[in-house]
Amino acid sequence: MRTSLVVAFLAIVAHVLALGPENTIIVVNDDSPDSVAIAAEYVKLRHIPSGNIIRLSALPKDPVIKADDFRNLILKPILDTIRSRGLQDQIDLVAYSAGFPYGVDVSADMGGKSFPMYITQPASLTGLTYLYELTLAKDITYLSLDVNGYYRAPKSASKDTPWSAEDLQRQKDVETLFAKFHEAQKANPTPNDDMKVWMIGAGDGLRKLEGAHPNSPDVYYNIACAYALQGKTKEAISALTVSCRLGWWSAAQSESDPDLASLRDRPDFKALMDRVRSVVIETDPPVPFHAAEPIGGRRYLLSAMLAYTGGIANTMPEALASLRASALADGTIPKGTVYFMRSDDAARTSPRIWAFNSAAAALKKLGVNAEVIHGVLPPNKQDVAGAVVGIATFSWKDSGSHILPGAFCDHLTSCAGIMTGGGQTLLSEWLRSGAAGSSGTVTEPYALQQKSPTPFLQVFYASGCTLAEAFYQSVSGPYQQLLVGDPLCRPWGKMPTLTVKGLKSGDTLRESVALLVTASGASRLELYVDGVLKKTVKPGSALTIARAWLKPGSHEARVVAVGPMDVSARQIMNFYVK
């Protein structure tokens, strides 16, 4: 009888180009049929070990969950289960199936404290999971726009110093003065005495921030605005020049900002903007993600939602189709084009347009075609391997274009992550149209680049990163970003080759067994038994499955060959121990 069960096991050689299914936790809402079905399909597609599935139930059904409920009913149970199963040293990614809230109400954590107007709430489910250490500690540093140590910053950008509570309050006071000025300006375009006093006060506050943050391009940009509104154009140009030297590269925003209107006809302003446009921007190179390795003393967990179903978001068939297509895209090296769209919507294009030309040039160095074109969507293009768009609403069908499997596409708008609907096109439209993943904020983010992925996401992705790695390396302050789709998708991954001898599926093991592993293009080999990492060695070293590890019954062994950027191939063997 036992023998017949053993023979029924199938040998699986799975060339999964991903962080690794062994490093992924799948979280299921057992009360949601969609959640159960989507998780089951993803586990099958990605060969996720059974011990990496966590089932939760009796969760609040609201689309936005309170922060304490998120900690107590979702985050803590996940982390406790990971530890209880001995997986804490190997899990890098938490992927939620459908059936979970998209947002987390963090107002209680904010505790009535004063914040700049752009520190809005709620946060996203995936953002706070990524920032899990701070979230558990109720440390509102998770709201910071430079909290992500995994972020790959532009090389020539200056490194700002941390912002204290006093700095944040001063920034809010400055914003209040600017808001009063702009409101009065509607009725009185020529500044009166009160308006001048407000700008003098704003300038005083900004100069104090300058002392605390001498490397912040944003502070100097705001100083330039304050001077320009006071009619001090020479001082404004000087401050703007410093801002650009420190890393302010958005010529489009500078040229459209009404606060700088008095500078636009000046030759020195035009010359400065021409210099900004000519800057070739490079980032730190992408690196694989490992949750067990702290970055700057802080740990993170990659996080994504496989799908959000119901209402005007995706249907379950749409979600399943997207996940199936993205799994097939791994390692295909798409022969398509990444499109960077310069729309006329300044609020949604200007935060990222500064990097379009540089990101396109970097992609071409990798052998990936890229174009920067004017318009809302790529028109009648059948080779969309990625899209960086800036618009509130759109219809992909009307574009006449086709998205290739594995593509990441987004459109930087305020409500793309409000999955119950916010009057703008949801990120789910991209998944419905063929993308492997998309993202969006779960409330008004104030069009800040720090809260959205930079165009270099496409460069990291084309360098061989997984979708999740590419995304989190491109967002400086991710607390409001909801990432939805297949986090393990890796279209540009180049996998090693692998053969394993000494054990095959269906074998009965009576004693320890040495595995003979041949791998090319690999920097290390990993051995997992029943989903738990047992050993990591260099290629050519011995790998042994010890009989002492195993109780009688059925078991699974995985040998994983890991290459550059942690691209991996694996052989999975099911066997039996008497």
Protein backbone atom coordinates (compact mmCIF):
# COMPACT_ATOMS: atom_id res chain seq x y z
CA MET A 1 0.00 0.00 0.00
CA ARG A 2 2.79 2.42 0.82
CA THR A 3 4.57 1.53 -2.39
CA SER A 4 1.58 2.44 -4.52
CA LEU A 5 1.51 5.90 -2.93
CA VAL A 6 5.19 6.39 -3.59
CA VAL A 7 4.89 5.47 -7.25
CA ALA A 8 2.10 8.04 -7.62
CA PHE A 9 4.49 10.94 -6.86
CA LEU A 10 5.62 12.87 -9.92
CA ALA A 11 9.09 14.28 -10.50
CA ILE A 12 8.90 18.03 -10.96
CA VAL A 13 11.75 19.99 -12.49
CA ALA A 14 10.58 23.56 -12.03
CA HIS A 15 12.64 26.34 -13.57
CA VAL A 16 11.03 29.11 -11.55
CA LEU A 17 12.79 32.41 -12.05
CA ALA A 18 11.94 34.23 -8.89
CA LEU A 19 13.02 35.25 -5.42
CA GLY A 20 12.04 31.67 -4.88
CA PRO A 21 8.85 29.95 -3.87
CA GLU A 22 10.76 28.70 -0.83
CA ASN A 23 11.14 32.32 0.30
CA THR A 24 7.49 33.28 -0.21
CA ILE A 25 4.59 33.18 2.25
CA ILE A 26 1.09 33.03 0.79
CA VAL A 27 -1.61 34.46 3.09
CA VAL A 28 -5.17 33.25 2.52
CA ASN A 29 -8.45 34.57 3.89
CA ASP A 30 -10.29 31.30 4.49
CA ASP A 31 -13.63 33.12 4.60
CA SER A 32 -13.25 34.34 1.00
CA PRO A 33 -13.82 31.85 -1.85
CA ASP A 34 -11.87 34.13 -4.21
CA SER A 35 -8.95 34.21 -1.80
CA VAL A 36 -8.87 30.43 -1.48
CA ALA A 37 -9.12 29.84 -5.24
CA ILE A 38 -6.53 32.44 -6.24
CA ALA A 39 -4.06 31.23 -3.60
CA ALA A 40 -4.49 27.62 -4.71
CA GLU A 41 -3.76 28.53 -8.32
CA TYR A 42 -0.73 30.62 -7.41
CA VAL A 43 0.69 27.88 -5.18
CA LYS A 44 0.42 25.48 -8.11
CA LEU A 45 1.87 27.93 -10.64
CA ARG A 46 4.84 28.84 -8.47
CA HIS A 47 5.40 25.51 -6.64
CA ILE A 48 5.03 27.17 -3.24
CA PRO A 49 5.80 24.68 -0.40
CA SER A 50 2.74 23.68 1.60
CA GLY A 51 4.39 24.92 4.78
CA ASN A 52 4.52 28.42 3.32
CA ILE A 53 0.75 28.85 3.27
CA ILE A 54 -0.87 30.75 6.16
CA ARG A 55 -4.65 30.72 6.55
CA LEU A 56 -6.48 33.45 8.45
CA SER A 57 -10.17 33.86 9.18
CA ALA A 58 -12.70 36.05 11.01
CA LEU A 59 -11.15 39.20 9.59
CA PRO A 60 -13.00 42.53 9.33
CA LYS A 61 -14.66 42.84 5.94
CA ASP A 62 -14.16 46.58 5.49
CA PRO A 63 -11.75 47.60 2.71
CA VAL A 64 -9.77 49.70 5.21
CA ILE A 65 -8.76 48.08 8.51
CA LYS A 66 -7.76 49.87 11.72
CA ALA A 67 -4.04 49.76 12.50
CA ASP A 68 -4.41 47.74 15.72
CA ASP A 69 -6.65 45.21 13.98
CA PHE A 70 -4.10 44.92 11.19
CA ARG A 71 -1.33 44.26 13.70
CA ASN A 72 -3.30 41.83 15.89
CA LEU A 73 -5.37 39.96 13.30
CA ILE A 74 -3.04 39.90 10.29
CA LEU A 75 0.58 40.97 10.76
CA LYS A 76 1.37 39.36 14.12
CA PRO A 77 -0.25 36.01 13.22
CA ILE A 78 1.77 35.93 10.01
CA LEU A 79 5.07 36.64 11.73
CA ASP A 80 4.31 34.27 14.62
CA THR A 81 3.49 31.47 12.20
CA ILE A 82 6.67 32.06 10.22
CA ARG A 83 8.70 31.73 13.43
CA SER A 84 6.80 28.70 14.70
CA ARG A 85 7.53 26.87 11.44
CA GLY A 86 11.22 27.71 11.57
CA LEU A 87 11.07 29.82 8.41
CA GLN A 88 12.18 33.16 9.84
CA ASP A 89 15.63 33.03 8.19
CA GLN A 90 14.38 32.28 4.69
CA ILE A 91 11.15 34.27 4.12
CA ASP A 92 11.63 37.38 1.99
CA LEU A 93 8.12 37.96 0.65
CA VAL A 94 4.59 38.03 2.05
CA ALA A 95 1.99 37.72 -0.72
CA TYR A 96 -1.66 38.25 0.18
CA SER A 97 -4.29 36.49 -1.87
CA ALA A 98 -7.58 38.29 -2.59
CA GLY A 99 -10.01 38.92 0.27
CA PHE A 100 -7.90 41.35 2.31
CA PRO A 101 -8.33 45.08 2.97
CA TYR A 102 -6.33 47.35 0.69
CA GLY A 103 -5.80 50.06 3.31
CA VAL A 104 -4.85 50.52 6.96
CA ASP A 105 -6.26 53.41 9.00
CA VAL A 106 -3.23 54.73 10.91
CA SER A 107 -4.90 57.76 12.49
CA ALA A 108 -4.57 56.22 15.97
CA ASP A 109 -0.82 55.78 15.45
CA MET A 110 -0.56 59.41 14.35
CA GLY A 111 -2.17 60.31 17.68
CA GLY A 112 -3.30 63.79 16.77
CA LYS A 113 0.28 64.91 16.08
CA SER A 114 0.89 67.64 13.54
CA PHE A 115 2.19 66.56 10.12
CA PRO A 116 2.83 68.30 6.79
CA MET A 117 -0.22 68.20 4.53
CA TYR A 118 1.36 65.57 2.27
CA ILE A 119 1.64 63.03 5.12
CA THR A 120 -1.85 61.68 4.53
CA GLN A 121 -3.56 58.48 5.63
CA PRO A 122 -4.62 55.66 5.29
CA ALA A 123 -1.57 53.55 4.55
CA SER A 124 -1.64 50.47 2.33
CA LEU A 125 -1.71 46.81 3.36
CA THR A 126 1.44 46.02 1.40
CA GLY A 127 3.29 49.18 2.42
CA LEU A 128 2.89 48.55 6.14
CA THR A 129 3.76 44.88 5.73
CA TYR A 130 6.98 45.91 3.98
CA LEU A 131 7.70 48.27 6.91
CA TYR A 132 6.67 45.62 9.44
CA GLU A 133 9.22 46.42 12.17
CA LEU A 134 8.09 50.04 12.44
CA THR A 135 4.45 49.05 12.09
CA LEU A 136 4.64 46.59 14.98
CA ALA A 137 6.36 49.19 17.15
CA LYS A 138 3.76 51.87 16.27
CA ASP A 139 6.74 53.94 15.19
CA ILE A 140 5.33 56.52 12.78
CA THR A 141 8.70 56.75 11.11
CA TYR A 142 6.93 54.47 8.63
CA LEU A 143 5.28 57.64 7.30
CA SER A 144 8.64 59.12 6.31
CA LEU A 145 9.39 59.67 2.65
CA ASP A 146 12.96 58.37 2.98
CA VAL A 147 12.25 55.36 5.20
CA ASN A 148 13.13 52.69 2.63
CA GLY A 149 16.74 51.59 3.00
CA TYR A 150 16.38 49.22 0.01
CA TYR A 151 15.61 52.16 -2.29
CA ARG A 152 18.21 52.62 -5.03
CA ALA A 153 18.72 56.36 -5.12
CA PRO A 154 20.05 58.35 -8.07
CA LYS A 155 23.81 58.50 -7.65
CA SER A 156 24.13 62.25 -7.99
CA ALA A 157 21.36 63.02 -5.50
CA SER A 158 22.42 64.33 -2.11
CA LYS A 159 21.61 62.42 1.06
CA ASP A 160 19.24 64.32 3.30
CA THR A 161 19.46 64.17 7.09
CA PRO A 162 16.57 62.67 9.12
CA TRP A 163 13.63 64.96 9.82
CA SER A 164 12.81 65.56 13.47
CA ALA A 165 9.33 66.24 14.84
CA GLU A 166 10.34 69.89 15.15
CA ASP A 167 11.37 69.96 11.48
CA LEU A 168 8.05 68.43 10.40
CA GLN A 169 6.13 71.01 12.42
CA ARG A 170 8.17 73.82 10.90
CA GLN A 171 7.52 72.42 7.43
CA LYS A 172 3.79 72.34 8.18
CA ASP A 173 3.90 75.98 9.35
CA VAL A 174 5.62 76.93 6.10
CA GLU A 175 2.99 75.10 4.07
CA THR A 176 0.24 76.92 5.96
CA LEU A 177 1.76 80.29 5.03
CA PHE A 178 2.05 79.27 1.38
CA ALA A 179 -1.58 78.10 1.41
CA LYS A 180 -2.75 81.44 2.87
CA PHE A 181 -0.75 83.28 0.21
CA HIS A 182 -2.24 81.22 -2.64
CA GLU A 183 -5.77 81.66 -1.33
CA ALA A 184 -5.36 85.44 -1.08
CA GLN A 185 -3.70 85.50 -4.50
CA LYS A 186 -6.94 84.32 -6.12
CA ALA A 187 -8.60 87.62 -5.18
CA ASN A 188 -5.50 89.80 -5.32
CA PRO A 189 -2.83 88.80 -7.90
CA THR A 190 -0.63 91.67 -6.72
CA PRO A 191 0.73 90.81 -3.24
CA ASN A 192 -0.50 93.07 -0.45
CA ASP A 193 1.29 93.70 2.84
CA ASP A 194 -0.21 90.66 4.56
CA MET A 195 0.82 88.41 1.70
CA LYS A 196 4.36 89.77 1.80
CA VAL A 197 4.55 89.15 5.55
CA TRP A 198 3.42 85.56 5.04
CA MET A 199 6.19 84.94 2.50
CA ILE A 200 8.77 86.56 4.75
CA GLY A 201 7.64 84.21 7.51
CA ALA A 202 7.80 81.24 5.16
CA GLY A 203 11.32 82.26 4.14
CA ASP A 204 12.40 82.49 7.79
CA GLY A 205 11.05 78.99 8.47
CA LEU A 206 12.72 77.58 5.38
CA ARG A 207 16.09 79.07 6.29
CA LYS A 208 15.86 77.27 9.63
CA LEU A 209 15.11 74.07 7.76
CA GLU A 210 18.08 74.83 5.51
CA GLY A 211 20.33 74.76 8.56
CA ALA A 212 18.99 71.35 9.59
CA HIS A 213 18.86 69.97 6.03
CA PRO A 214 21.67 71.53 3.99
CA ASN A 215 21.52 68.68 1.44
CA SER A 216 17.78 68.76 0.75
CA PRO A 217 16.89 69.85 -2.80
CA ASP A 218 13.24 70.22 -1.72
CA VAL A 219 14.09 72.78 0.97
CA TYR A 220 16.08 74.91 -1.48
CA TYR A 221 13.36 74.61 -4.10
CA ASN A 222 10.82 75.96 -1.61
CA ILE A 223 13.22 78.75 -0.65
CA ALA A 224 13.35 79.68 -4.35
CA CYS A 225 9.53 79.76 -4.44
CA ALA A 226 9.37 81.99 -1.37
CA TYR A 227 11.90 84.43 -2.84
CA ALA A 228 10.15 84.46 -6.22
CA LEU A 229 6.79 85.30 -4.62
CA GLN A 230 8.47 88.20 -2.82
CA GLY A 231 9.87 89.50 -6.12
CA LYS A 232 13.45 88.63 -5.14
CA THR A 233 14.26 86.92 -8.43
CA LYS A 234 18.05 86.98 -8.08
CA GLU A 235 17.88 85.23 -4.70
CA ALA A 236 15.30 82.80 -6.11
CA ILE A 237 17.60 81.81 -8.99
CA SER A 238 20.46 81.30 -6.53
CA ALA A 239 18.38 78.98 -4.32
CA LEU A 240 17.02 77.10 -7.32
CA THR A 241 20.55 76.57 -8.62
CA VAL A 242 21.54 74.97 -5.31
CA SER A 243 18.42 72.81 -5.42
CA CYS A 244 19.31 71.53 -8.89
CA ARG A 245 22.89 70.85 -7.83
CA LEU A 246 21.61 68.73 -4.92
CA GLY A 247 19.31 66.65 -7.12
CA TRP A 248 16.22 68.63 -8.17
CA TRP A 249 15.86 67.49 -11.77
CA SER A 250 12.23 68.25 -12.60
CA ALA A 251 12.52 70.98 -15.18
CA ALA A 252 8.90 70.36 -16.15
CA GLN A 253 7.62 71.10 -12.66
CA SER A 254 9.86 74.15 -12.29
CA GLU A 255 8.59 75.58 -15.57
CA SER A 256 4.93 74.99 -14.73
CA ASP A 257 5.03 76.00 -11.05
CA PRO A 258 3.08 79.26 -10.65
CA ASP A 259 5.28 80.21 -7.70
CA LEU A 260 8.22 80.54 -10.11
CA ALA A 261 6.30 82.41 -12.82
CA SER A 262 8.41 85.54 -12.32
CA LEU A 263 11.55 83.63 -13.29
CA ARG A 264 10.47 82.03 -16.55
CA ASP A 265 11.56 84.77 -18.94
CA ARG A 266 14.97 85.19 -17.35
CA PRO A 267 17.88 83.86 -19.43
CA ASP A 268 19.55 82.40 -16.32
CA PHE A 269 16.40 80.41 -15.47
CA LYS A 270 16.17 79.05 -19.02
CA ALA A 271 19.85 78.16 -19.00
CA LEU A 272 19.45 76.38 -15.64
CA MET A 273 16.53 74.33 -16.95
CA ASP A 274 18.54 73.40 -20.06
CA ARG A 275 21.35 72.14 -17.80
CA VAL A 276 18.86 70.15 -15.73
CA ARG A 277 17.50 68.44 -18.85
CA SER A 278 20.99 67.48 -19.97
CA VAL A 279 21.87 65.68 -16.74
CA VAL A 280 22.33 61.94 -17.23
CA ILE A 281 20.98 60.32 -14.09
CA GLU A 282 22.19 56.95 -12.87
CA THR A 283 21.09 54.98 -9.83
CA ASP A 284 22.88 52.63 -7.53
CA PRO A 285 22.79 49.20 -9.22
CA PRO A 286 19.94 46.84 -8.28
CA VAL A 287 20.61 44.11 -5.74
CA PRO A 288 18.72 40.98 -4.65
CA PHE A 289 16.56 41.30 -1.56
CA HIS A 290 17.22 39.29 1.61
CA ALA A 291 14.95 40.00 4.57
CA ALA A 292 17.38 38.45 7.04
CA GLU A 293 20.00 41.09 6.23
CA PRO A 294 19.28 44.43 7.95
CA ILE A 295 19.70 47.59 5.88
CA GLY A 296 20.79 50.53 7.97
CA GLY A 297 19.77 48.63 11.10
CA ARG A 298 16.23 48.01 9.82
CA ARG A 299 14.57 44.92 8.32
CA TYR A 300 11.89 44.80 5.66
CA LEU A 301 9.62 42.18 4.08
CA LEU A 302 8.67 42.42 0.44
CA SER A 303 4.90 42.41 0.16
CA ALA A 304 2.28 42.32 -2.58
CA MET A 305 -1.37 41.47 -3.09
CA LEU A 306 -1.93 38.78 -5.73
CA ALA A 307 -5.31 40.26 -6.64
CA TYR A 308 -8.13 42.45 -5.40
CA THR A 309 -11.46 41.11 -6.62
CA GLY A 310 -15.02 42.37 -6.52
CA GLY A 311 -16.81 45.61 -7.30
CA ILE A 312 -15.12 47.60 -10.04
CA ALA A 313 -11.75 45.92 -9.44
CA ASN A 314 -10.79 42.63 -11.11
CA THR A 315 -12.98 39.56 -11.42
CA MET A 316 -11.55 36.25 -10.26
CA PRO A 317 -11.14 35.00 -13.88
CA GLU A 318 -9.21 38.19 -14.70
CA ALA A 319 -6.96 37.71 -11.68
CA LEU A 320 -6.27 34.07 -12.53
CA ALA A 321 -5.55 34.90 -16.17
CA SER A 322 -3.05 37.59 -15.13
CA LEU A 323 -1.20 35.26 -12.74
CA ARG A 324 -1.05 32.44 -15.29
CA ALA A 325 0.32 34.71 -18.00
CA SER A 326 2.94 36.23 -15.70
CA ALA A 327 4.21 32.80 -14.62
CA LEU A 328 4.73 31.89 -18.28
CA ALA A 329 6.61 35.18 -18.86
CA ASP A 330 9.54 34.21 -16.62
CA GLY A 331 12.84 34.16 -18.50
CA THR A 332 11.27 35.01 -21.85
CA ILE A 333 13.45 38.14 -22.30
CA PRO A 334 10.59 40.13 -23.90
CA LYS A 335 11.35 41.67 -27.29
CA GLY A 336 9.11 44.64 -26.62
CA THR A 337 9.40 48.30 -25.75
CA VAL A 338 9.07 50.16 -22.47
CA TYR A 339 7.11 53.38 -23.03
CA PHE A 340 7.56 56.54 -20.95
CA MET A 341 4.58 58.81 -21.61
CA ARG A 342 4.88 62.61 -21.42
CA SER A 343 1.24 63.59 -20.98
CA ASP A 344 -0.06 67.13 -20.61
CA ASP A 345 -1.20 66.30 -17.07
CA ALA A 346 1.61 68.14 -15.28
CA ALA A 347 0.60 67.04 -11.78
CA ARG A 348 0.91 63.37 -12.72
CA THR A 349 3.80 63.55 -15.19
CA SER A 350 6.19 66.12 -13.73
CA PRO A 351 7.11 64.10 -10.60
CA ARG A 352 8.75 61.48 -12.84
CA ILE A 353 9.58 63.08 -16.17
CA TRP A 354 13.02 64.09 -14.88
CA ALA A 355 14.14 60.44 -15.18
CA PHE A 356 12.49 59.45 -18.47
CA ASN A 357 15.44 60.02 -20.80
CA SER A 358 17.99 58.58 -18.37
CA ALA A 359 15.88 55.47 -17.66
CA ALA A 360 15.32 54.94 -21.39
CA ALA A 361 19.05 55.21 -22.03
CA ALA A 362 19.79 52.72 -19.24
CA LEU A 363 17.28 50.25 -20.70
CA LYS A 364 18.90 50.49 -24.12
CA LYS A 365 22.26 49.63 -22.56
CA LEU A 366 20.61 46.46 -21.28
CA GLY A 367 19.37 45.66 -24.77
CA VAL A 368 15.75 46.61 -24.02
CA ASN A 369 14.05 49.03 -26.37
CA ALA A 370 12.58 52.15 -24.75
CA GLU A 371 10.82 55.25 -26.04
CA VAL A 372 9.85 58.59 -24.51
CA ILE A 373 6.80 59.83 -26.38
CA HIS A 374 4.19 62.55 -25.95
CA GLY A 375 0.67 61.44 -25.14
CA VAL A 376 -1.48 59.70 -22.57
CA LEU A 377 -1.03 56.05 -23.61
CA PRO A 378 1.19 54.29 -26.15
CA PRO A 379 -0.82 54.57 -29.40
CA ASN A 380 -1.38 51.40 -31.44
CA LYS A 381 1.73 49.69 -30.06
CA GLN A 382 1.70 45.89 -30.05
CA ASP A 383 4.89 45.47 -28.03
CA VAL A 384 4.29 47.16 -24.65
CA ALA A 385 6.79 45.55 -22.28
CA GLY A 386 6.22 48.27 -19.67
CA ALA A 387 4.48 51.64 -19.37
CA VAL A 388 5.11 54.68 -17.19
CA VAL A 389 2.02 56.88 -17.53
CA GLY A 390 0.70 60.00 -15.81
CA ILE A 391 -3.07 60.43 -16.05
CA ALA A 392 -6.15 60.19 -13.82
CA THR A 393 -8.44 58.21 -16.12
CA PHE A 394 -7.87 56.18 -19.25
CA SER A 395 -9.23 53.34 -21.38
CA TRP A 396 -6.52 50.91 -22.45
CA LYS A 397 -8.81 49.34 -25.03
CA ASP A 398 -9.10 52.68 -26.84
CA SER A 399 -5.30 52.94 -27.14
CA GLY A 400 -5.20 50.09 -29.65
CA SER A 401 -2.06 48.77 -27.94
CA HIS A 402 -1.14 45.34 -26.56
CA ILE A 403 0.63 44.62 -23.25
CA LEU A 404 3.16 41.77 -23.33
CA PRO A 405 3.07 39.17 -20.53
CA GLY A 406 5.25 40.16 -17.59
CA ALA A 407 4.93 43.93 -18.04
CA PHE A 408 4.69 46.36 -15.12
CA CYS A 409 2.50 49.39 -15.85
CA ASP A 410 1.21 52.25 -13.69
CA HIS A 411 -0.27 55.71 -14.10
CA LEU A 412 0.61 57.75 -10.95
CA THR A 413 -2.73 59.09 -9.84
CA SER A 414 -4.32 59.74 -6.47
CA CYS A 415 -6.93 56.97 -6.41
CA ALA A 416 -5.41 54.06 -8.37
CA GLY A 417 -5.06 52.01 -5.16
CA ILE A 418 -8.50 52.81 -3.72
CA MET A 419 -9.81 49.45 -4.86
CA THR A 420 -13.45 50.18 -4.11
CA GLY A 421 -13.29 53.18 -6.44
CA GLY A 422 -12.29 56.80 -6.11
CA GLY A 423 -13.46 58.35 -9.36
CA GLN A 424 -10.23 57.58 -11.23
CA THR A 425 -8.97 54.56 -13.14
CA LEU A 426 -7.88 51.78 -10.77
CA LEU A 427 -4.62 49.89 -11.06
CA SER A 428 -6.76 46.81 -11.77
CA GLU A 429 -7.28 48.14 -15.31
CA TRP A 430 -3.65 47.30 -16.07
CA LEU A 431 -4.03 43.72 -14.80
CA ARG A 432 -7.26 43.34 -16.77
CA SER A 433 -5.39 44.48 -19.88
CA GLY A 434 -2.51 42.01 -19.54
CA ALA A 435 0.07 43.48 -17.13
CA ALA A 436 1.75 41.26 -14.55
CA GLY A 437 1.66 43.99 -11.92
CA SER A 438 0.71 47.55 -11.11
CA SER A 439 0.62 49.87 -8.13
CA GLY A 440 -1.15 52.93 -6.81
CA THR A 441 -1.67 54.96 -3.69
CA VAL A 442 -4.65 54.31 -1.41
CA THR A 443 -5.40 58.00 -0.88
CA GLU A 444 -4.29 61.45 -2.07
CA PRO A 445 -0.43 61.41 -2.10
CA TYR A 446 0.06 65.02 -3.32
CA ALA A 447 1.97 63.97 -6.47
CA LEU A 448 5.23 63.43 -4.62
CA GLN A 449 7.89 61.39 -6.37
CA GLN A 450 8.98 59.83 -3.07
CA LYS A 451 5.60 58.10 -2.73
CA SER A 452 5.61 56.57 -6.22
CA PRO A 453 7.98 54.30 -8.15
CA THR A 454 10.60 56.11 -10.19
CA PRO A 455 10.97 55.25 -13.88
CA PHE A 456 14.07 53.26 -12.89
CA LEU A 457 11.72 50.48 -11.75
CA GLN A 458 11.73 49.41 -15.39
CA VAL A 459 15.55 49.36 -15.42
CA PHE A 460 15.74 47.21 -12.28
CA TYR A 461 13.12 44.86 -13.72
CA ALA A 462 15.02 44.54 -17.01
CA SER A 463 18.21 43.86 -15.03
CA GLY A 464 16.73 40.55 -13.86
CA CYS A 465 14.98 41.54 -10.63
CA THR A 466 11.63 40.12 -9.67
CA LEU A 467 8.67 42.46 -9.95
CA ALA A 468 8.62 42.93 -6.16
CA GLU A 469 12.34 43.68 -5.96
CA ALA A 470 12.17 46.15 -8.83
CA PHE A 471 9.21 47.91 -7.24
CA TYR A 472 10.61 48.34 -3.72
CA GLN A 473 13.99 49.47 -4.99
CA SER A 474 12.21 52.32 -6.79
CA VAL A 475 10.05 53.80 -3.99
CA SER A 476 11.64 55.93 -1.28
CA GLY A 477 8.53 56.27 0.92
CA PRO A 478 6.27 53.26 0.18
CA TYR A 479 3.76 53.45 3.04
CA GLN A 480 0.80 54.37 0.77
CA GLN A 481 1.65 52.26 -2.26
CA LEU A 482 -0.47 49.17 -2.89
CA LEU A 483 1.39 46.63 -5.06
CA VAL A 484 -0.89 44.15 -6.84
CA GLY A 485 0.00 41.33 -9.22
CA ASP A 486 2.63 38.60 -9.41
CA PRO A 487 5.55 39.62 -7.18
CA LEU A 488 7.68 36.69 -8.38
CA CYS A 489 7.44 37.51 -12.07
CA ARG A 490 10.91 37.86 -13.63
CA PRO A 491 10.73 38.21 -17.44
CA TRP A 492 14.36 39.24 -17.86
CA GLY A 493 15.88 36.63 -15.54
CA LYS A 494 18.61 34.40 -17.01
CA MET A 495 18.52 31.14 -15.12
CA PRO A 496 21.26 28.65 -14.40
CA THR A 497 20.99 25.03 -15.52
CA LEU A 498 20.63 22.23 -13.00
CA THR A 499 20.65 18.44 -12.84
CA VAL A 500 20.41 16.35 -9.67
CA LYS A 501 21.30 12.68 -9.32
CA GLY A 502 21.20 10.40 -6.32
CA LEU A 503 17.52 10.86 -5.52
CA LYS A 504 14.46 10.91 -7.73
CA SER A 505 10.78 11.25 -7.09
CA GLY A 506 9.23 7.99 -5.98
CA ASP A 507 12.33 6.74 -4.17
CA THR A 508 12.14 5.21 -0.70
CA LEU A 509 14.89 6.50 1.57
CA ARG A 510 16.33 4.20 4.26
CA GLU A 511 19.56 6.03 5.02
CA SER A 512 21.29 9.33 4.34
CA VAL A 513 21.80 10.05 0.66
CA ALA A 514 24.42 12.14 -1.13
CA LEU A 515 23.15 14.21 -4.04
CA LEU A 516 25.25 14.69 -7.15
CA VAL A 517 24.48 18.17 -8.42
CA THR A 518 25.63 19.71 -11.68
CA ALA A 519 24.88 23.41 -12.14
CA SER A 520 26.18 26.00 -14.57
CA GLY A 521 25.75 29.72 -14.15
CA ALA A 522 25.14 29.31 -10.42
CA SER A 523 26.93 30.99 -7.53
CA ARG A 524 25.41 28.81 -4.80
CA LEU A 525 23.26 25.75 -4.19
CA GLU A 526 20.50 25.51 -1.60
CA LEU A 527 18.94 22.37 -0.18
CA TYR A 528 15.41 22.49 1.24
CA VAL A 529 13.69 19.56 2.90
CA ASP A 530 9.94 19.88 3.43
CA GLY A 531 10.24 23.56 2.59
CA VAL A 532 12.88 24.36 5.23
CA LEU A 533 16.38 25.46 4.25
CA LYS A 534 18.89 22.85 5.44
CA LYS A 535 22.15 23.80 3.74
CA THR A 536 23.77 26.36 1.42
CA VAL A 537 26.97 25.43 -0.43
CA LYS A 538 29.05 26.49 -3.40
CA PRO A 539 28.65 24.54 -6.64
CA GLY A 540 30.79 21.43 -6.57
CA SER A 541 30.35 20.94 -2.83
CA ALA A 542 28.54 17.92 -1.41
CA LEU A 543 24.85 18.05 -0.55
CA THR A 544 23.53 15.30 1.70
CA ILE A 545 20.02 14.58 2.93
CA ALA A 546 20.50 13.21 6.44
CA ARG A 547 18.24 10.35 7.48
CA ALA A 548 18.19 11.85 10.99
CA TRP A 549 16.21 14.83 9.69
CA LEU A 550 13.29 12.69 8.58
CA LYS A 551 10.38 10.96 10.27
CA PRO A 552 8.63 8.06 8.52
CA GLY A 553 6.25 9.23 5.82
CA SER A 554 6.32 11.33 2.67
CA HIS A 555 8.76 14.19 2.19
CA GLU A 556 9.90 16.70 -0.38
CA ALA A 557 13.46 17.74 -1.27
CA ARG A 558 14.39 20.79 -3.34
CA VAL A 559 17.77 21.62 -4.79
CA VAL A 560 17.96 25.23 -5.91
CA ALA A 561 20.71 26.62 -8.12
CA VAL A 562 21.05 30.38 -7.64
CA GLY A 563 22.68 32.62 -10.24
CA PRO A 564 23.25 36.37 -10.67
CA MET A 565 20.51 38.59 -9.19
CA ASP A 566 19.35 35.45 -7.34
CA VAL A 567 17.75 34.07 -10.48
CA SER A 568 17.15 30.42 -9.67
CA ALA A 569 16.34 27.00 -11.09
CA ARG A 570 15.16 24.14 -8.94
CA GLN A 571 14.53 20.43 -8.99
CA ILE A 572 11.80 19.12 -6.71
CA MET A 573 11.74 15.47 -5.63
CA ASN A 574 9.02 13.78 -3.60
CA PHE A 575 10.15 10.69 -1.72
CA TYR A 576 9.15 8.38 1.12
CA VAL A 577 10.87 7.30 4.34
CA LYS A 578 9.97 3.96 5.93
